Amino acid sequence: MLFEWVMLAYALFTLLVMLFTYTKLQNPISMLSLRFQAVMMLVALWGVYRMIPCRLTMLFRVVGQLSLLGVWYPETFEFNRILPNLDHIFATWEQQLFGYQPALLFSQKLSNPVFSELLTMGYVSYFPMIVAVTLFYFFYHYEQFSRTAFIILASFFLFYVIFIFLPVAGPQYYYLAAGMDNIANGVFPNIGNYFETHSEGLANPGYADGPFYKLLTMAHEAGERPTAAFPSSHVGVTTILLWLAWATGSRRFFWTLVPFGVLMFFATFYIQAHYAIDAIAGLFVGTLMYFLLRLVSTTKRK
């Protein structure tokens, strides 16, 4: 299926990148192992579908690829950690655009527990939204199910390619590395290859005793790395999910997701995962990807 070919294309492309950077990579063996396991899982799920071709085994094929996204993501750090960090440029742009750092002041000015938990809930709703849109197409628009899976998966892999070559860690990591006094005074030093040997970040701001805050902390501890800040894939993919929800024709489903999308947008820089410009760029890049991938999938089907 097209959504499986896009995974194979990403695995091959990054394998070629590995060949050129192999001596600088810190975990090349585990990265090679991931590609082998991903291909074996694809073949196994394809084989099951060939033996028992039905909707359930098709769902397994899609879920199998979606489940690997959380493994492919941290790997972008293994590539971009060997490149000089660019956060000082993006933090400077942020300062020039707003006159201050939204990621620094937002959570300080609005620290109310209810507000904090609402925004954190928006952020942790990311994967549930992916599941909701995927299953909505599976149950109500099955004829477009594989196409929807392609759009979602391909968008992730396109973001991952950007993150490999654009080493921006985001405020959570850069602020700590640069020094909070510097950030508060509008000074954004070039930290060079700092993240080649460091991956420490600030604690998430907000109401620490809230259940959604604890979920966020668990998720960050499990898979977050100083990578993937610009553009925000959280905002970008959420934008794509909203376009997909709109395309179902179910306005109830679409408007149910919209509040989570709005909370997601502001949450990205409230919790200091992104600069505000990352979130803004995510809206435009996500929309562009949606229509581009929709066009590609339509062309392939014809």
C-alpha atoms as a PDB file:
ATOM      1  CA  MET A   1       0.000   0.000   0.000  1.00  0.00           C
ATOM      2  CA  LEU A   2       1.090   3.591  -0.575  1.00  0.00           C
ATOM      3  CA  PHE A   3       1.404   4.297   3.156  1.00  0.00           C
ATOM      4  CA  GLU A   4       3.849   1.371   3.438  1.00  0.00           C
ATOM      5  CA  TRP A   5       5.890   2.514   0.468  1.00  0.00           C
ATOM      6  CA  VAL A   6       6.372   5.901   2.105  1.00  0.00           C
ATOM      7  CA  MET A   7       7.843   4.212   5.197  1.00  0.00           C
ATOM      8  CA  LEU A   8      10.201   2.193   3.009  1.00  0.00           C
ATOM      9  CA  ALA A   9      11.213   5.361   1.160  1.00  0.00           C
ATOM     10  CA  TYR A  10      11.985   7.120   4.449  1.00  0.00           C
ATOM     11  CA  ALA A  11      13.948   4.121   5.749  1.00  0.00           C
ATOM     12  CA  LEU A  12      16.002   3.996   2.532  1.00  0.00           C
ATOM     13  CA  PHE A  13      16.588   7.748   2.446  1.00  0.00           C
ATOM     14  CA  THR A  14      17.796   7.850   6.049  1.00  0.00           C
ATOM     15  CA  LEU A  15      19.922   4.770   5.427  1.00  0.00           C
ATOM     16  CA  LEU A  16      21.726   6.731   2.709  1.00  0.00           C
ATOM     17  CA  VAL A  17      22.174   9.621   5.121  1.00  0.00           C
ATOM     18  CA  MET A  18      23.646   7.142   7.605  1.00  0.00           C
ATOM     19  CA  LEU A  19      26.221   6.015   5.058  1.00  0.00           C
ATOM     20  CA  PHE A  20      27.530   9.588   4.795  1.00  0.00           C
ATOM     21  CA  THR A  21      27.478  10.242   8.540  1.00  0.00           C
ATOM     22  CA  TYR A  22      28.201   6.771   9.922  1.00  0.00           C
ATOM     23  CA  THR A  23      31.449   7.653  11.729  1.00  0.00           C
ATOM     24  CA  LYS A  24      29.756  10.584  13.508  1.00  0.00           C
ATOM     25  CA  LEU A  25      26.638   8.735  14.614  1.00  0.00           C
ATOM     26  CA  GLN A  26      26.531   7.541  18.219  1.00  0.00           C
ATOM     27  CA  ASN A  27      24.101   4.637  17.790  1.00  0.00           C
ATOM     28  CA  PRO A  28      24.390   3.411  14.165  1.00  0.00           C
ATOM     29  CA  ILE A  29      23.860  -0.275  15.025  1.00  0.00           C
ATOM     30  CA  SER A  30      20.544   0.346  16.789  1.00  0.00           C
ATOM     31  CA  MET A  31      19.477   2.574  13.881  1.00  0.00           C
ATOM     32  CA  LEU A  32      20.230  -0.212  11.412  1.00  0.00           C
ATOM     33  CA  SER A  33      18.370  -2.656  13.638  1.00  0.00           C
ATOM     34  CA  LEU A  34      15.304  -0.409  13.624  1.00  0.00           C
ATOM     35  CA  ARG A  35      15.184  -0.482   9.833  1.00  0.00           C
ATOM     36  CA  PHE A  36      15.505  -4.238   9.732  1.00  0.00           C
ATOM     37  CA  GLN A  37      12.752  -4.709  12.311  1.00  0.00           C
ATOM     38  CA  ALA A  38      10.460  -2.200  10.578  1.00  0.00           C
ATOM     39  CA  VAL A  39      10.799  -4.000   7.238  1.00  0.00           C
ATOM     40  CA  MET A  40      10.257  -7.402   8.850  1.00  0.00           C
ATOM     41  CA  MET A  41       7.111  -6.151  10.584  1.00  0.00           C
ATOM     42  CA  LEU A  42       5.833  -4.710   7.302  1.00  0.00           C
ATOM     43  CA  VAL A  43       6.415  -8.012   5.504  1.00  0.00           C
ATOM     44  CA  ALA A  44       4.749  -9.974   8.310  1.00  0.00           C
ATOM     45  CA  LEU A  45       1.651  -7.770   8.354  1.00  0.00           C
ATOM     46  CA  TRP A  46       1.473  -7.859   4.557  1.00  0.00           C
ATOM     47  CA  GLY A  47       1.696 -11.641   4.674  1.00  0.00           C
ATOM     48  CA  VAL A  48      -1.141 -11.883   7.189  1.00  0.00           C
ATOM     49  CA  TYR A  49      -3.258  -9.617   5.004  1.00  0.00           C
ATOM     50  CA  ARG A  50      -2.519 -11.770   1.941  1.00  0.00           C
ATOM     51  CA  MET A  51      -3.693 -14.859   3.825  1.00  0.00           C
ATOM     52  CA  ILE A  52      -6.711 -13.166   5.421  1.00  0.00           C
ATOM     53  CA  PRO A  53      -7.659 -10.122   3.314  1.00  0.00           C
ATOM     54  CA  CYS A  54     -10.202  -8.209   5.370  1.00  0.00           C
ATOM     55  CA  ARG A  55     -10.737  -4.883   7.057  1.00  0.00           C
ATOM     56  CA  LEU A  56      -9.258  -6.056  10.355  1.00  0.00           C
ATOM     57  CA  THR A  57      -5.943  -7.147   8.839  1.00  0.00           C
ATOM     58  CA  MET A  58      -5.828  -3.878   6.874  1.00  0.00           C
ATOM     59  CA  LEU A  59      -6.257  -2.040  10.162  1.00  0.00           C
ATOM     60  CA  PHE A  60      -3.327  -4.020  11.567  1.00  0.00           C
ATOM     61  CA  ARG A  61      -1.168  -2.868   8.638  1.00  0.00           C
ATOM     62  CA  VAL A  62      -1.988   0.769   9.353  1.00  0.00           C
ATOM     63  CA  VAL A  63      -1.655   0.503  13.137  1.00  0.00           C
ATOM     64  CA  GLY A  64       1.689  -1.229  12.678  1.00  0.00           C
ATOM     65  CA  GLN A  65       3.101   1.764  10.810  1.00  0.00           C
ATOM     66  CA  LEU A  66       1.547   4.312  13.160  1.00  0.00           C
ATOM     67  CA  SER A  67       3.029   2.504  16.159  1.00  0.00           C
ATOM     68  CA  LEU A  68       6.545   3.010  14.786  1.00  0.00           C
ATOM     69  CA  LEU A  69       6.263   6.805  14.564  1.00  0.00           C
ATOM     70  CA  GLY A  70       7.276   7.151  18.194  1.00  0.00           C
ATOM     71  CA  VAL A  71      10.439   5.184  17.424  1.00  0.00           C
ATOM     72  CA  TRP A  72      11.360   7.029  14.233  1.00  0.00           C
ATOM     73  CA  TYR A  73      10.994  10.421  15.940  1.00  0.00           C
ATOM     74  CA  PRO A  74      13.860  10.258  18.524  1.00  0.00           C
ATOM     75  CA  GLU A  75      16.150   9.099  15.738  1.00  0.00           C
ATOM     76  CA  THR A  76      16.040  12.559  14.145  1.00  0.00           C
ATOM     77  CA  PHE A  77      18.125  13.691  17.104  1.00  0.00           C
ATOM     78  CA  GLU A  78      20.792  11.116  16.273  1.00  0.00           C
ATOM     79  CA  PHE A  79      21.245  12.854  12.930  1.00  0.00           C
ATOM     80  CA  ASN A  80      20.894  16.531  13.789  1.00  0.00           C
ATOM     81  CA  ARG A  81      22.983  16.407  16.970  1.00  0.00           C
ATOM     82  CA  ILE A  82      26.068  16.322  14.718  1.00  0.00           C
ATOM     83  CA  LEU A  83      25.068  19.662  13.152  1.00  0.00           C
ATOM     84  CA  PRO A  84      25.548  23.108  14.762  1.00  0.00           C
ATOM     85  CA  ASN A  85      22.454  24.146  16.686  1.00  0.00           C
ATOM     86  CA  LEU A  86      20.345  26.973  15.182  1.00  0.00           C
ATOM     87  CA  ASP A  87      18.175  27.957  18.146  1.00  0.00           C
ATOM     88  CA  HIS A  88      19.921  31.282  18.575  1.00  0.00           C
ATOM     89  CA  ILE A  89      18.636  32.312  15.133  1.00  0.00           C
ATOM     90  CA  PHE A  90      15.050  31.292  15.818  1.00  0.00           C
ATOM     91  CA  ALA A  91      15.001  32.797  19.314  1.00  0.00           C
ATOM     92  CA  THR A  92      16.281  36.051  17.801  1.00  0.00           C
ATOM     93  CA  TRP A  93      13.530  36.010  15.170  1.00  0.00           C
ATOM     94  CA  GLU A  94      11.013  35.387  17.940  1.00  0.00           C
ATOM     95  CA  GLN A  95      12.320  38.375  19.884  1.00  0.00           C
ATOM     96  CA  GLN A  96      12.255  40.610  16.825  1.00  0.00           C
ATOM     97  CA  LEU A  97       8.691  39.603  15.947  1.00  0.00           C
ATOM     98  CA  PHE A  98       7.081  39.819  19.399  1.00  0.00           C
ATOM     99  CA  GLY A  99       9.518  41.938  21.386  1.00  0.00           C
ATOM    100  CA  TYR A 100       9.758  39.183  23.991  1.00  0.00           C
ATOM    101  CA  GLN A 101       9.823  35.377  24.278  1.00  0.00           C
ATOM    102  CA  PRO A 102       6.225  34.016  24.393  1.00  0.00           C
ATOM    103  CA  ALA A 103       7.512  30.625  25.566  1.00  0.00           C
ATOM    104  CA  LEU A 104       9.194  32.319  28.536  1.00  0.00           C
ATOM    105  CA  LEU A 105       6.365  34.612  29.638  1.00  0.00           C
ATOM    106  CA  PHE A 106       3.177  32.749  28.668  1.00  0.00           C
ATOM    107  CA  SER A 107       3.301  30.156  31.439  1.00  0.00           C
ATOM    108  CA  GLN A 108       4.488  32.773  33.955  1.00  0.00           C
ATOM    109  CA  LYS A 109       1.624  35.183  33.285  1.00  0.00           C
ATOM    110  CA  LEU A 110      -1.051  32.484  33.069  1.00  0.00           C
ATOM    111  CA  SER A 111      -0.177  29.976  35.772  1.00  0.00           C
ATOM    112  CA  ASN A 112      -3.728  29.239  36.922  1.00  0.00           C
ATOM    113  CA  PRO A 113      -4.059  25.436  37.460  1.00  0.00           C
ATOM    114  CA  VAL A 114      -7.259  25.208  35.380  1.00  0.00           C
ATOM    115  CA  PHE A 115      -5.719  27.107  32.475  1.00  0.00           C
ATOM    116  CA  SER A 116      -2.521  25.079  32.758  1.00  0.00           C
ATOM    117  CA  GLU A 117      -4.360  21.768  32.716  1.00  0.00           C
ATOM    118  CA  LEU A 118      -6.535  22.800  29.760  1.00  0.00           C
ATOM    119  CA  LEU A 119      -3.513  23.640  27.637  1.00  0.00           C
ATOM    120  CA  THR A 120      -1.628  20.554  28.750  1.00  0.00           C
ATOM    121  CA  MET A 121      -4.695  18.460  27.905  1.00  0.00           C
ATOM    122  CA  GLY A 122      -4.629  19.995  24.426  1.00  0.00           C
ATOM    123  CA  TYR A 123      -1.025  18.949  23.990  1.00  0.00           C
ATOM    124  CA  VAL A 124      -1.473  15.360  25.200  1.00  0.00           C
ATOM    125  CA  SER A 125      -4.565  14.978  22.978  1.00  0.00           C
ATOM    126  CA  TYR A 126      -2.199  14.715  20.004  1.00  0.00           C
ATOM    127  CA  PHE A 127      -2.127  10.945  19.640  1.00  0.00           C
ATOM    128  CA  PRO A 128      -5.773  10.449  20.650  1.00  0.00           C
ATOM    129  CA  MET A 129      -6.675  12.827  17.807  1.00  0.00           C
ATOM    130  CA  ILE A 130      -4.641  10.736  15.372  1.00  0.00           C
ATOM    131  CA  VAL A 131      -6.423   7.603  16.585  1.00  0.00           C
ATOM    132  CA  ALA A 132      -9.833   9.298  16.386  1.00  0.00           C
ATOM    133  CA  VAL A 133      -9.398  10.467  12.788  1.00  0.00           C
ATOM    134  CA  THR A 134      -7.918   7.129  11.691  1.00  0.00           C
ATOM    135  CA  LEU A 135     -10.754   5.118  13.243  1.00  0.00           C
ATOM    136  CA  PHE A 136     -13.421   7.514  11.956  1.00  0.00           C
ATOM    137  CA  TYR A 137     -12.278   6.818   8.409  1.00  0.00           C
ATOM    138  CA  PHE A 138     -11.982   3.106   9.145  1.00  0.00           C
ATOM    139  CA  PHE A 139     -15.577   2.804  10.371  1.00  0.00           C
ATOM    140  CA  TYR A 140     -17.363   5.435   8.269  1.00  0.00           C
ATOM    141  CA  HIS A 141     -15.240   6.053   5.158  1.00  0.00           C
ATOM    142  CA  TYR A 142     -13.353   2.823   4.638  1.00  0.00           C
ATOM    143  CA  GLU A 143     -12.947   3.470   0.898  1.00  0.00           C
ATOM    144  CA  GLN A 144     -10.627   6.366   1.872  1.00  0.00           C
ATOM    145  CA  PHE A 145      -8.956   4.612   4.781  1.00  0.00           C
ATOM    146  CA  SER A 146      -5.635   3.710   3.148  1.00  0.00           C
ATOM    147  CA  ARG A 147      -5.438   7.163   1.557  1.00  0.00           C
ATOM    148  CA  THR A 148      -5.932   8.782   4.950  1.00  0.00           C
ATOM    149  CA  ALA A 149      -3.238   6.551   6.457  1.00  0.00           C
ATOM    150  CA  PHE A 150      -0.883   7.647   3.680  1.00  0.00           C
ATOM    151  CA  ILE A 151      -1.536  11.346   4.308  1.00  0.00           C
ATOM    152  CA  ILE A 152      -0.951  11.004   8.051  1.00  0.00           C
ATOM    153  CA  LEU A 153       2.163   8.835   7.780  1.00  0.00           C
ATOM    154  CA  ALA A 154       3.703  10.753   4.888  1.00  0.00           C
ATOM    155  CA  SER A 155       3.235  14.040   6.745  1.00  0.00           C
ATOM    156  CA  PHE A 156       5.121  12.649   9.739  1.00  0.00           C
ATOM    157  CA  PHE A 157       7.991  11.453   7.580  1.00  0.00           C
ATOM    158  CA  LEU A 158       8.200  14.792   5.759  1.00  0.00           C
ATOM    159  CA  PHE A 159       8.447  16.556   9.110  1.00  0.00           C
ATOM    160  CA  TYR A 160      11.109  14.086  10.201  1.00  0.00           C
ATOM    161  CA  VAL A 161      13.200  14.850   7.111  1.00  0.00           C
ATOM    162  CA  ILE A 162      13.006  18.557   7.964  1.00  0.00           C
ATOM    163  CA  PHE A 163      14.037  17.874  11.556  1.00  0.00           C
ATOM    164  CA  ILE A 164      17.054  15.835  10.474  1.00  0.00           C
ATOM    165  CA  PHE A 165      18.565  18.773   8.601  1.00  0.00           C
ATOM    166  CA  LEU A 166      17.222  21.672  10.704  1.00  0.00           C
ATOM    167  CA  PRO A 167      18.695  21.304  14.214  1.00  0.00           C
ATOM    168  CA  VAL A 168      16.387  23.464  16.331  1.00  0.00           C
ATOM    169  CA  ALA A 169      15.803  22.101  19.833  1.00  0.00           C
ATOM    170  CA  GLY A 170      13.181  24.534  21.111  1.00  0.00           C
ATOM    171  CA  PRO A 171      12.960  26.679  24.284  1.00  0.00           C
ATOM    172  CA  GLN A 172      12.760  23.749  26.690  1.00  0.00           C
ATOM    173  CA  TYR A 173      16.321  22.781  25.767  1.00  0.00           C
ATOM    174  CA  TYR A 174      17.861  25.967  24.391  1.00  0.00           C
ATOM    175  CA  TYR A 175      16.870  28.195  27.316  1.00  0.00           C
ATOM    176  CA  LEU A 176      18.657  25.890  29.749  1.00  0.00           C
ATOM    177  CA  ALA A 177      21.737  25.604  27.538  1.00  0.00           C
ATOM    178  CA  ALA A 178      21.933  29.361  26.885  1.00  0.00           C
ATOM    179  CA  GLY A 179      21.194  30.393  30.482  1.00  0.00           C
ATOM    180  CA  MET A 180      17.901  31.787  31.726  1.00  0.00           C
ATOM    181  CA  ASP A 181      19.499  35.161  32.564  1.00  0.00           C
ATOM    182  CA  ASN A 182      20.586  35.548  28.949  1.00  0.00           C
ATOM    183  CA  ILE A 183      17.131  34.678  27.657  1.00  0.00           C
ATOM    184  CA  ALA A 184      15.405  37.085  30.060  1.00  0.00           C
ATOM    185  CA  ASN A 185      17.729  39.862  28.879  1.00  0.00           C
ATOM    186  CA  GLY A 186      17.170  39.125  25.194  1.00  0.00           C
ATOM    187  CA  VAL A 187      20.619  37.619  24.651  1.00  0.00           C
ATOM    188  CA  PHE A 188      20.713  34.466  22.528  1.00  0.00           C
ATOM    189  CA  PRO A 189      24.187  32.932  22.335  1.00  0.00           C
ATOM    190  CA  ASN A 190      25.255  30.496  19.656  1.00  0.00           C
ATOM    191  CA  ILE A 191      25.761  27.204  21.516  1.00  0.00           C
ATOM    192  CA  GLY A 192      27.243  25.404  18.514  1.00  0.00           C
ATOM    193  CA  ASN A 193      27.386  21.632  18.971  1.00  0.00           C
ATOM    194  CA  TYR A 194      26.216  21.678  22.587  1.00  0.00           C
ATOM    195  CA  PHE A 195      23.526  19.069  22.000  1.00  0.00           C
ATOM    196  CA  GLU A 196      25.997  16.596  20.573  1.00  0.00           C
ATOM    197  CA  THR A 197      26.832  15.738  24.164  1.00  0.00           C
ATOM    198  CA  HIS A 198      23.867  17.152  26.129  1.00  0.00           C
ATOM    199  CA  SER A 199      20.147  16.434  26.151  1.00  0.00           C
ATOM    200  CA  GLU A 200      18.990  18.060  29.398  1.00  0.00           C
ATOM    201  CA  GLY A 201      15.908  20.259  29.313  1.00  0.00           C
ATOM    202  CA  LEU A 202      13.840  22.446  31.601  1.00  0.00           C
ATOM    203  CA  ALA A 203      11.023  20.927  33.601  1.00  0.00           C
ATOM    204  CA  ASN A 204       7.635  21.456  32.002  1.00  0.00           C
ATOM    205  CA  PRO A 205       5.972  24.615  33.316  1.00  0.00           C
ATOM    206  CA  GLY A 206       2.412  24.514  34.614  1.00  0.00           C
ATOM    207  CA  TYR A 207       0.415  22.914  37.391  1.00  0.00           C
ATOM    208  CA  ALA A 208       2.677  20.035  38.450  1.00  0.00           C
ATOM    209  CA  ASP A 209      -0.034  18.161  40.382  1.00  0.00           C
ATOM    210  CA  GLY A 210      -2.455  17.974  37.463  1.00  0.00           C
ATOM    211  CA  PRO A 211      -3.159  14.593  35.803  1.00  0.00           C
ATOM    212  CA  PHE A 212      -2.511  15.933  32.301  1.00  0.00           C
ATOM    213  CA  TYR A 213       0.748  17.506  33.446  1.00  0.00           C
ATOM    214  CA  LYS A 214       1.846  14.099  34.740  1.00  0.00           C
ATOM    215  CA  LEU A 215       0.905  12.459  31.432  1.00  0.00           C
ATOM    216  CA  LEU A 216       2.926  15.083  29.583  1.00  0.00           C
ATOM    217  CA  THR A 217       5.927  14.527  31.821  1.00  0.00           C
ATOM    218  CA  MET A 218       5.759  10.768  31.274  1.00  0.00           C
ATOM    219  CA  ALA A 219       5.581  11.240  27.501  1.00  0.00           C
ATOM    220  CA  HIS A 220       8.545  13.616  27.493  1.00  0.00           C
ATOM    221  CA  GLU A 221      10.642  11.320  29.637  1.00  0.00           C
ATOM    222  CA  ALA A 222       9.880   8.413  27.323  1.00  0.00           C
ATOM    223  CA  GLY A 223      10.670   9.933  23.949  1.00  0.00           C
ATOM    224  CA  GLU A 224      11.405  13.664  23.913  1.00  0.00           C
ATOM    225  CA  ARG A 225      14.773  14.869  22.601  1.00  0.00           C
ATOM    226  CA  PRO A 226      16.328  18.283  21.816  1.00  0.00           C
ATOM    227  CA  THR A 227      15.099  18.157  18.262  1.00  0.00           C
ATOM    228  CA  ALA A 228      12.107  18.834  16.016  1.00  0.00           C
ATOM    229  CA  ALA A 229      11.191  22.378  17.036  1.00  0.00           C
ATOM    230  CA  PHE A 230      10.691  24.142  13.689  1.00  0.00           C
ATOM    231  CA  PRO A 231       8.121  23.870  12.286  1.00  0.00           C
ATOM    232  CA  SER A 232       5.936  22.357  15.002  1.00  0.00           C
ATOM    233  CA  SER A 233       4.859  18.906  13.832  1.00  0.00           C
ATOM    234  CA  HIS A 234       2.303  18.853  16.653  1.00  0.00           C
ATOM    235  CA  VAL A 235       0.564  21.871  15.146  1.00  0.00           C
ATOM    236  CA  GLY A 236       1.259  20.749  11.577  1.00  0.00           C
ATOM    237  CA  VAL A 237      -0.143  17.235  11.970  1.00  0.00           C
ATOM    238  CA  THR A 238      -3.083  18.546  14.024  1.00  0.00           C
ATOM    239  CA  THR A 239      -3.847  20.931  11.152  1.00  0.00           C
ATOM    240  CA  ILE A 240      -3.786  17.982   8.755  1.00  0.00           C
ATOM    241  CA  LEU A 241      -6.099  16.021  11.053  1.00  0.00           C
ATOM    242  CA  LEU A 242      -8.554  18.916  11.062  1.00  0.00           C
ATOM    243  CA  TRP A 243      -8.498  19.058   7.257  1.00  0.00           C
ATOM    244  CA  LEU A 244      -9.120  15.307   7.168  1.00  0.00           C
ATOM    245  CA  ALA A 245     -11.973  15.690   9.655  1.00  0.00           C
ATOM    246  CA  TRP A 246     -13.484  18.424   7.477  1.00  0.00           C
ATOM    247  CA  ALA A 247     -13.197  16.181   4.415  1.00  0.00           C
ATOM    248  CA  THR A 248     -15.368  13.520   6.081  1.00  0.00           C
ATOM    249  CA  GLY A 249     -18.375  15.805   5.706  1.00  0.00           C
ATOM    250  CA  SER A 250     -19.221  15.343   9.384  1.00  0.00           C
ATOM    251  CA  ARG A 251     -19.266  18.836  10.821  1.00  0.00           C
ATOM    252  CA  ARG A 252     -19.987  17.433  14.293  1.00  0.00           C
ATOM    253  CA  PHE A 253     -16.779  15.412  14.171  1.00  0.00           C
ATOM    254  CA  PHE A 254     -14.813  18.385  12.840  1.00  0.00           C
ATOM    255  CA  TRP A 255     -16.050  20.846  15.465  1.00  0.00           C
ATOM    256  CA  THR A 256     -15.443  18.298  18.205  1.00  0.00           C
ATOM    257  CA  LEU A 257     -11.748  18.304  17.289  1.00  0.00           C
ATOM    258  CA  VAL A 258     -11.368  22.065  16.758  1.00  0.00           C
ATOM    259  CA  PRO A 259     -11.109  23.005  20.488  1.00  0.00           C
ATOM    260  CA  PHE A 260      -8.313  20.472  20.913  1.00  0.00           C
ATOM    261  CA  GLY A 261      -6.561  21.938  17.872  1.00  0.00           C
ATOM    262  CA  VAL A 262      -6.777  25.456  19.331  1.00  0.00           C
ATOM    263  CA  LEU A 263      -5.466  24.275  22.697  1.00  0.00           C
ATOM    264  CA  MET A 264      -2.686  22.399  20.909  1.00  0.00           C
ATOM    265  CA  PHE A 265      -1.542  25.539  19.098  1.00  0.00           C
ATOM    266  CA  PHE A 266      -1.108  27.592  22.261  1.00  0.00           C
ATOM    267  CA  ALA A 267       0.119  24.664  24.351  1.00  0.00           C
ATOM    268  CA  THR A 268       3.188  24.156  22.172  1.00  0.00           C
ATOM    269  CA  PHE A 269       4.818  27.337  23.426  1.00  0.00           C
ATOM    270  CA  TYR A 270       3.043  27.414  26.811  1.00  0.00           C
ATOM    271  CA  ILE A 271       4.913  24.245  27.822  1.00  0.00           C
ATOM    272  CA  GLN A 272       8.087  25.615  26.123  1.00  0.00           C
ATOM    273  CA  ALA A 273       8.315  22.792  23.598  1.00  0.00           C
ATOM    274  CA  HIS A 274       8.294  25.346  20.758  1.00  0.00           C
ATOM    275  CA  TYR A 275       8.731  28.978  19.902  1.00  0.00           C
ATOM    276  CA  ALA A 276       5.542  30.756  18.848  1.00  0.00           C
ATOM    277  CA  ILE A 277       6.922  31.033  15.301  1.00  0.00           C
ATOM    278  CA  ASP A 278       7.188  27.226  15.244  1.00  0.00           C
ATOM    279  CA  ALA A 279       3.456  26.944  15.909  1.00  0.00           C
ATOM    280  CA  ILE A 280       2.591  29.566  13.286  1.00  0.00           C
ATOM    281  CA  ALA A 281       4.785  27.820  10.724  1.00  0.00           C
ATOM    282  CA  GLY A 282       3.126  24.512  11.638  1.00  0.00           C
ATOM    283  CA  LEU A 283      -0.261  25.859  10.510  1.00  0.00           C
ATOM    284  CA  PHE A 284       1.024  26.809   7.066  1.00  0.00           C
ATOM    285  CA  VAL A 285       3.283  23.779   6.553  1.00  0.00           C
ATOM    286  CA  GLY A 286       0.550  21.398   7.712  1.00  0.00           C
ATOM    287  CA  THR A 287      -1.963  22.901   5.286  1.00  0.00           C
ATOM    288  CA  LEU A 288       0.534  22.769   2.434  1.00  0.00           C
ATOM    289  CA  MET A 289       1.373  19.132   3.199  1.00  0.00           C
ATOM    290  CA  TYR A 290      -2.284  18.134   3.365  1.00  0.00           C
ATOM    291  CA  PHE A 291      -3.146  19.431  -0.098  1.00  0.00           C
ATOM    292  CA  LEU A 292       0.132  18.198  -1.593  1.00  0.00           C
ATOM    293  CA  LEU A 293      -0.276  14.682  -0.184  1.00  0.00           C
ATOM    294  CA  ARG A 294      -3.951  14.616  -1.091  1.00  0.00           C
ATOM    295  CA  LEU A 295      -2.973  15.439  -4.681  1.00  0.00           C
ATOM    296  CA  VAL A 296      -0.265  12.755  -4.696  1.00  0.00           C
ATOM    297  CA  SER A 297      -2.621  10.103  -3.333  1.00  0.00           C
ATOM    298  CA  THR A 298      -5.297  11.028  -5.869  1.00  0.00           C
ATOM    299  CA  THR A 299      -2.808  10.821  -8.738  1.00  0.00           C
ATOM    300  CA  LYS A 300      -1.530   7.424  -7.578  1.00  0.00           C
ATOM    301  CA  ARG A 301      -5.065   6.040  -7.315  1.00  0.00           C
ATOM    302  CA  LYS A 302      -5.779   7.049 -10.891  1.00  0.00           C
END
